[in-house]
């Protein structure tokens, strides 16, 4: 079993904001496996992160030493398009309240989690950290992206003005235990797991997938992201953002074939080429992270298999 980080002792008070989410729950698992026993968590019912007074009170009373900021209002294209005010307001409030209260209460270090959607819609591929703010955003999720960019800039501003040790990570497409498998609001990988699973159970002859299957995407298992978070908490302290990804990409067709095999669906895959493909390629340049000494360990095949196993065990209780 890995040992507690040199940065924080096993008894250090560590607050994980958003501990019930895909990322936050993975960070909790990683910290527990590292021997950290003093983890602070609060449900939304216990602490409304959009309430500045409540957040300040929590930090003043609990005085966490380290903070992983994984809390956010998230959703797919439809949610972003239909509730743009909610997405920009709630995310700005959550991250502003936590970053400011953390600094005020003397937190030693804070890690802020952004998203690869912060990069311009037509950023060169693979996307490097310096591509931030060099072009217009994807209109369907710009509200979320602008809030995340503001979070990055707030971390940089508090470092510059107050010397607050806040770092920002930009993860690629994530998947794993605790994912959202709802066909209307989930991302492509968990949605395909659900589609192939239901087609197998219902003995359907084929599964339809939108587009040509040609677009390329990068995927990172959420436990790999959590490992990277602990690594960077210990080994990185700078204003500049760090991309976190696998550095590998697959076509949607390759992904579908892998998931079909893992699930055990024996029918056909039919591509509905009348439907749009979306962005041809989305890959993060992870050379900065690699130079720091970290690389992902969970292969896509291994990750999909373990995620499907989790879905089989917890699927009816997850977001379907």
Protein backbone atom coordinates (compact mmCIF):
# COMPACT_ATOMS: atom_id res chain seq x y z
CA UNK A 1 0.00 0.00 0.00
CA UNK A 2 1.34 3.49 -0.82
CA UNK A 3 2.38 5.61 2.10
CA UNK A 4 1.18 9.09 2.98
CA UNK A 5 2.73 11.88 0.95
CA UNK A 6 5.81 13.67 2.25
CA UNK A 7 3.84 16.90 1.77
CA UNK A 8 1.09 16.04 4.23
CA UNK A 9 1.34 13.64 7.12
CA UNK A 10 -1.22 10.91 7.63
CA UNK A 11 -2.86 13.07 10.32
CA UNK A 12 -3.02 16.28 8.22
CA UNK A 13 -6.47 17.81 7.86
CA UNK A 14 -7.42 17.57 4.19
CA UNK A 15 -10.68 18.97 2.82
CA UNK A 16 -12.06 17.41 -0.37
CA UNK A 17 -14.71 19.70 -1.84
CA UNK A 18 -17.08 17.67 -4.01
CA UNK A 19 -16.22 14.33 -2.39
CA UNK A 20 -19.31 12.58 -3.76
CA UNK A 21 -18.51 13.31 -7.40
CA UNK A 22 -16.55 11.21 -9.88
CA UNK A 23 -13.29 13.08 -9.21
CA UNK A 24 -13.76 13.90 -5.53
CA UNK A 25 -14.57 10.31 -4.59
CA UNK A 26 -11.45 9.10 -6.46
CA UNK A 27 -9.30 11.63 -4.57
CA UNK A 28 -10.78 10.38 -1.29
CA UNK A 29 -9.90 6.79 -2.25
CA UNK A 30 -6.35 7.77 -3.18
CA UNK A 31 -5.80 9.70 0.05
CA UNK A 32 -7.17 6.83 2.14
CA UNK A 33 -4.92 4.36 0.31
CA UNK A 34 -1.97 6.69 1.03
CA UNK A 35 -2.73 6.41 4.74
CA UNK A 36 -4.36 9.81 5.26
CA UNK A 37 -6.92 9.45 8.04
CA UNK A 38 -8.10 13.03 8.69
CA UNK A 39 -10.25 13.71 5.64
CA UNK A 40 -12.83 16.49 5.82
CA UNK A 41 -15.97 16.13 3.71
CA UNK A 42 -19.35 17.84 3.64
CA UNK A 43 -22.46 17.03 1.62
CA UNK A 44 -24.39 19.83 -0.07
CA UNK A 45 -27.04 19.54 2.66
CA UNK A 46 -24.34 20.06 5.29
CA UNK A 47 -22.53 22.90 3.52
CA UNK A 48 -23.81 24.99 0.61
CA UNK A 49 -20.63 26.00 -1.20
CA UNK A 50 -22.41 28.90 -2.93
CA UNK A 51 -23.02 30.47 0.51
CA UNK A 52 -19.99 32.66 1.29
CA UNK A 53 -20.74 33.05 4.99
CA UNK A 54 -21.23 29.31 5.47
CA UNK A 55 -18.00 28.47 3.63
CA UNK A 56 -16.00 31.03 5.65
CA UNK A 57 -17.48 29.65 8.87
CA UNK A 58 -16.58 26.09 7.89
CA UNK A 59 -12.96 27.02 7.14
CA UNK A 60 -12.64 29.14 10.31
CA UNK A 61 -13.94 26.30 12.48
CA UNK A 62 -12.29 23.28 10.82
CA UNK A 63 -9.03 24.92 9.68
CA UNK A 64 -8.06 22.38 6.99
CA UNK A 65 -4.38 22.34 6.04
CA UNK A 66 -4.83 21.20 2.44
CA UNK A 67 -7.72 21.54 -0.02
CA UNK A 68 -8.66 19.60 -3.15
CA UNK A 69 -11.25 21.70 -4.98
CA UNK A 70 -13.20 19.15 -7.04
CA UNK A 71 -16.67 20.64 -6.43
CA UNK A 72 -18.48 22.07 -9.47
CA UNK A 73 -21.83 22.26 -11.18
CA UNK A 74 -21.38 19.98 -14.19
CA UNK A 75 -23.53 18.75 -17.06
CA UNK A 76 -23.64 17.97 -20.75
CA UNK A 77 -24.30 20.18 -23.76
CA UNK A 78 -28.06 20.33 -23.16
CA UNK A 79 -27.66 21.36 -19.52
CA UNK A 80 -25.10 24.03 -20.40
CA UNK A 81 -27.26 25.42 -23.18
CA UNK A 82 -30.50 25.43 -21.21
CA UNK A 83 -29.11 26.75 -17.90
CA UNK A 84 -26.18 29.05 -18.78
CA UNK A 85 -26.80 31.41 -15.84
CA UNK A 86 -26.78 28.53 -13.36
CA UNK A 87 -23.50 27.19 -14.72
CA UNK A 88 -21.56 30.44 -14.67
CA UNK A 89 -23.04 31.72 -11.37
CA UNK A 90 -22.82 28.54 -9.30
CA UNK A 91 -19.31 27.64 -10.44
CA UNK A 92 -18.02 31.17 -9.87
CA UNK A 93 -19.54 31.20 -6.38
CA UNK A 94 -18.26 27.74 -5.39
CA UNK A 95 -14.65 28.29 -6.42
CA UNK A 96 -14.48 31.93 -5.29
CA UNK A 97 -15.81 31.11 -1.84
CA UNK A 98 -13.47 28.15 -1.35
CA UNK A 99 -10.27 29.76 -2.70
CA UNK A 100 -10.79 32.96 -0.70
CA UNK A 101 -11.78 31.17 2.53
CA UNK A 102 -8.85 28.77 2.17
CA UNK A 103 -6.40 31.67 1.91
CA UNK A 104 -8.07 33.57 4.79
CA UNK A 105 -7.93 30.55 7.10
CA UNK A 106 -4.27 29.76 6.43
CA UNK A 107 -4.56 26.69 4.22
CA UNK A 108 -1.05 25.52 3.26
CA UNK A 109 -1.88 24.44 -0.29
CA UNK A 110 -4.91 24.24 -2.57
CA UNK A 111 -5.40 22.24 -5.76
CA UNK A 112 -8.00 23.55 -8.22
CA UNK A 113 -9.41 21.23 -10.88
CA UNK A 114 -10.35 22.80 -14.19
CA UNK A 115 -11.37 21.14 -17.44
CA UNK A 116 -9.97 20.71 -20.94
CA UNK A 117 -12.95 22.73 -22.22
CA UNK A 118 -11.07 25.89 -21.13
CA UNK A 119 -9.05 25.68 -24.35
CA UNK A 120 -10.16 27.42 -27.55
CA UNK A 121 -12.50 25.49 -29.82
CA UNK A 122 -9.90 25.49 -32.61
CA UNK A 123 -6.77 25.14 -30.46
CA UNK A 124 -3.85 23.35 -32.15
CA UNK A 125 -3.64 19.64 -31.38
CA UNK A 126 -2.39 18.39 -29.02
CA UNK A 127 -3.45 21.27 -26.76
CA UNK A 128 -0.64 22.83 -24.76
CA UNK A 129 -1.01 24.85 -21.55
CA UNK A 130 -0.02 28.07 -23.35
CA UNK A 131 -3.00 27.76 -25.71
CA UNK A 132 -5.27 29.07 -22.93
CA UNK A 133 -6.98 32.36 -23.93
CA UNK A 134 -5.64 32.31 -27.48
CA UNK A 135 -9.02 31.91 -29.21
CA UNK A 136 -12.79 31.66 -28.86
CA UNK A 137 -14.38 28.88 -26.80
CA UNK A 138 -16.82 26.15 -27.82
CA UNK A 139 -20.16 28.01 -27.57
CA UNK A 140 -22.09 25.07 -26.08
CA UNK A 141 -20.07 25.04 -22.85
CA UNK A 142 -18.54 28.52 -22.68
CA UNK A 143 -20.39 29.37 -19.45
CA UNK A 144 -18.72 26.50 -17.61
CA UNK A 145 -15.39 27.14 -19.33
CA UNK A 146 -15.35 30.85 -18.44
CA UNK A 147 -16.04 30.04 -14.80
CA UNK A 148 -13.17 27.53 -14.79
CA UNK A 149 -10.83 30.06 -16.44
CA UNK A 150 -11.80 32.55 -13.73
CA UNK A 151 -10.85 29.93 -11.13
CA UNK A 152 -7.43 29.48 -12.71
CA UNK A 153 -6.89 33.24 -12.76
CA UNK A 154 -8.04 33.56 -9.16
CA UNK A 155 -5.49 30.95 -8.06
CA UNK A 156 -2.80 32.83 -9.98
CA UNK A 157 -3.88 36.20 -8.54
CA UNK A 158 -3.87 34.94 -4.94
CA UNK A 159 -0.43 33.43 -5.52
CA UNK A 160 0.85 36.69 -6.99
CA UNK A 161 -0.65 39.06 -4.41
CA UNK A 162 -0.68 36.95 -1.25
CA UNK A 163 1.83 34.16 -1.91
CA UNK A 164 -0.97 31.59 -1.58
CA UNK A 165 0.20 28.17 -2.79
CA UNK A 166 -2.63 27.35 -5.20
CA UNK A 167 -2.10 25.12 -8.26
CA UNK A 168 -4.44 24.34 -11.17
CA UNK A 169 -4.84 21.08 -13.10
CA UNK A 170 -6.65 20.55 -16.40
CA UNK A 171 -7.88 16.94 -16.78
CA UNK A 172 -8.85 15.34 -20.07
CA UNK A 173 -12.02 13.23 -20.54
CA UNK A 174 -12.50 11.17 -17.39
CA UNK A 175 -14.29 7.91 -16.67
CA UNK A 176 -14.43 5.27 -13.95
CA UNK A 177 -16.38 4.16 -10.88
CA UNK A 178 -19.09 6.62 -9.92
CA UNK A 179 -19.56 7.83 -13.50
CA UNK A 180 -22.83 9.08 -14.98
CA UNK A 181 -24.41 6.42 -17.21
CA UNK A 182 -27.50 8.38 -18.19
CA UNK A 183 -27.92 8.17 -21.97
CA UNK A 184 -29.14 11.78 -22.20
CA UNK A 185 -26.53 13.51 -20.05
CA UNK A 186 -23.47 11.25 -19.88
CA UNK A 187 -20.24 11.45 -21.85
CA UNK A 188 -19.46 9.08 -24.68
CA UNK A 189 -17.63 6.29 -22.81
CA UNK A 190 -20.17 5.59 -20.03
CA UNK A 191 -23.01 6.11 -22.54
CA UNK A 192 -21.56 3.41 -24.80
CA UNK A 193 -21.16 1.04 -21.84
CA UNK A 194 -24.84 1.50 -21.06
CA UNK A 195 -25.88 1.17 -24.72
CA UNK A 196 -23.99 -2.07 -25.31
CA UNK A 197 -25.10 -3.49 -21.95
CA UNK A 198 -28.78 -2.86 -22.68
CA UNK A 199 -28.44 -4.17 -26.25
CA UNK A 200 -26.87 -7.38 -24.90
CA UNK A 201 -29.57 -7.82 -22.24
CA UNK A 202 -32.37 -7.15 -24.74
CA UNK A 203 -30.74 -9.35 -27.42
CA UNK A 204 -30.76 -6.51 -29.96
CA UNK A 205 -29.16 -7.15 -33.36
CA UNK A 206 -27.28 -3.85 -33.47
CA UNK A 207 -26.21 -0.71 -31.62
CA UNK A 208 -26.47 2.67 -33.32
CA UNK A 209 -23.72 5.22 -32.78
CA UNK A 210 -23.97 8.79 -34.01
CA UNK A 211 -21.48 10.01 -36.60
CA UNK A 212 -18.81 8.18 -38.55
CA UNK A 213 -16.73 6.85 -35.65
CA UNK A 214 -13.71 8.75 -36.99
CA UNK A 215 -13.26 11.49 -34.32
CA UNK A 216 -10.41 10.88 -31.87
CA UNK A 217 -10.68 11.31 -28.12
CA UNK A 218 -8.39 10.92 -25.12
CA UNK A 219 -9.56 9.20 -21.94
CA UNK A 220 -8.10 9.02 -18.45
CA UNK A 221 -9.28 6.74 -15.66
CA UNK A 222 -10.35 8.85 -12.70
CA UNK A 223 -8.08 6.87 -10.33
CA UNK A 224 -5.14 7.92 -12.52
CA UNK A 225 -6.26 11.54 -12.19
CA UNK A 226 -6.45 11.16 -8.40
CA UNK A 227 -2.91 9.75 -8.38
CA UNK A 228 -1.75 12.73 -10.44
CA UNK A 229 -3.47 15.11 -7.99
CA UNK A 230 -1.56 13.66 -5.04
CA UNK A 231 1.68 13.67 -7.04
CA UNK A 232 1.33 17.32 -8.07
CA UNK A 233 0.24 18.40 -4.59
CA UNK A 234 3.60 17.11 -3.43
CA UNK A 235 5.87 17.94 -6.36
CA UNK A 236 4.47 21.05 -8.08
CA UNK A 237 4.13 24.64 -6.94
CA UNK A 238 3.71 27.21 -9.70
CA UNK A 239 1.17 29.62 -11.16
CA UNK A 240 1.02 27.90 -14.54
CA UNK A 241 -1.61 25.25 -15.23
CA UNK A 242 -0.75 21.58 -15.81
CA UNK A 243 -2.54 19.29 -18.26
CA UNK A 244 -3.39 15.83 -16.92
CA UNK A 245 -4.14 13.11 -19.45
CA UNK A 246 -3.05 9.75 -20.79
CA UNK A 247 -1.34 11.26 -23.81
CA UNK A 248 -3.05 8.62 -25.97
CA UNK A 249 -6.09 8.87 -28.20
CA UNK A 250 -8.47 6.43 -29.86
CA UNK A 251 -11.15 6.84 -32.48
CA UNK A 252 -14.77 6.54 -31.39
CA UNK A 253 -14.94 3.41 -33.57
CA UNK A 254 -11.98 1.86 -31.70
CA UNK A 255 -13.57 2.78 -28.37
CA UNK A 256 -16.90 1.25 -29.43
CA UNK A 257 -15.22 -1.98 -30.54
CA UNK A 258 -13.38 -2.21 -27.20
CA UNK A 259 -16.53 -1.63 -25.15
CA UNK A 260 -18.51 -4.08 -27.30
CA UNK A 261 -15.89 -6.73 -26.57
CA UNK A 262 -15.74 -5.98 -22.82
CA UNK A 263 -19.54 -6.07 -22.47
CA UNK A 264 -19.83 -9.20 -24.62
CA UNK A 265 -22.31 -7.83 -27.15
CA UNK A 266 -22.31 -10.01 -30.27
CA UNK A 267 -24.43 -7.89 -32.61
CA UNK A 268 -23.42 -5.24 -35.13
CA UNK A 269 -22.39 -1.62 -34.74
CA UNK A 270 -24.16 0.77 -37.12
CA UNK A 271 -22.85 4.30 -37.57
CA UNK A 272 -25.51 6.92 -38.26
CA UNK A 273 -23.49 9.15 -40.55
CA UNK A 274 -26.40 11.60 -40.86
CA UNK A 275 -25.58 12.75 -37.32
CA UNK A 276 -22.69 15.13 -36.59
CA UNK A 277 -19.23 13.93 -35.55
CA UNK A 278 -18.32 16.90 -33.39
CA UNK A 279 -14.72 18.05 -32.98
CA UNK A 280 -12.39 15.80 -35.05
CA UNK A 281 -9.73 15.60 -32.34
CA UNK A 282 -9.26 16.59 -28.69
CA UNK A 283 -5.92 15.65 -27.17
CA UNK A 284 -3.99 17.27 -24.33
CA UNK A 285 -0.24 17.72 -24.57
CA UNK A 286 1.02 16.13 -21.33
CA UNK A 287 4.75 16.68 -21.90
CA UNK A 288 4.89 19.11 -18.96
CA UNK A 289 3.42 16.51 -16.60
CA UNK A 290 5.68 13.78 -18.01
CA UNK A 291 8.73 16.00 -17.44
CA UNK A 292 7.69 16.35 -13.80
CA UNK A 293 7.85 12.56 -13.52
CA UNK A 294 4.26 11.33 -13.72
CA UNK A 295 2.50 9.11 -16.28
CA UNK A 296 -0.85 7.36 -16.29
CA UNK A 297 -0.82 3.65 -15.43
CA UNK A 298 -4.32 2.33 -16.18
CA UNK A 299 -4.73 1.23 -19.80
CA UNK A 300 -8.00 1.96 -21.57
CA UNK A 301 -8.81 -1.76 -21.88
CA UNK A 302 -8.17 -2.35 -18.17
CA UNK A 303 -10.08 0.80 -17.22
CA UNK A 304 -13.13 0.00 -19.34
CA UNK A 305 -13.26 -3.55 -17.92
CA UNK A 306 -13.12 -2.34 -14.30
CA UNK A 307 -15.65 0.43 -15.00
CA UNK A 308 -18.08 -2.08 -16.54
CA UNK A 309 -17.61 -4.34 -13.52
CA UNK A 310 -18.45 -1.37 -11.28
CA UNK A 311 -21.51 -0.59 -13.43
CA UNK A 312 -22.75 -4.17 -13.10
CA UNK A 313 -22.45 -3.96 -9.32
CA UNK A 314 -23.71 -0.40 -8.74
CA UNK A 315 -25.46 0.53 -11.97
CA UNK A 316 -29.01 0.60 -10.67
CA UNK A 317 -27.97 2.98 -7.91
CA UNK A 318 -25.84 5.28 -10.08
CA UNK A 319 -27.08 8.09 -12.27
CA UNK A 320 -28.94 6.15 -14.94
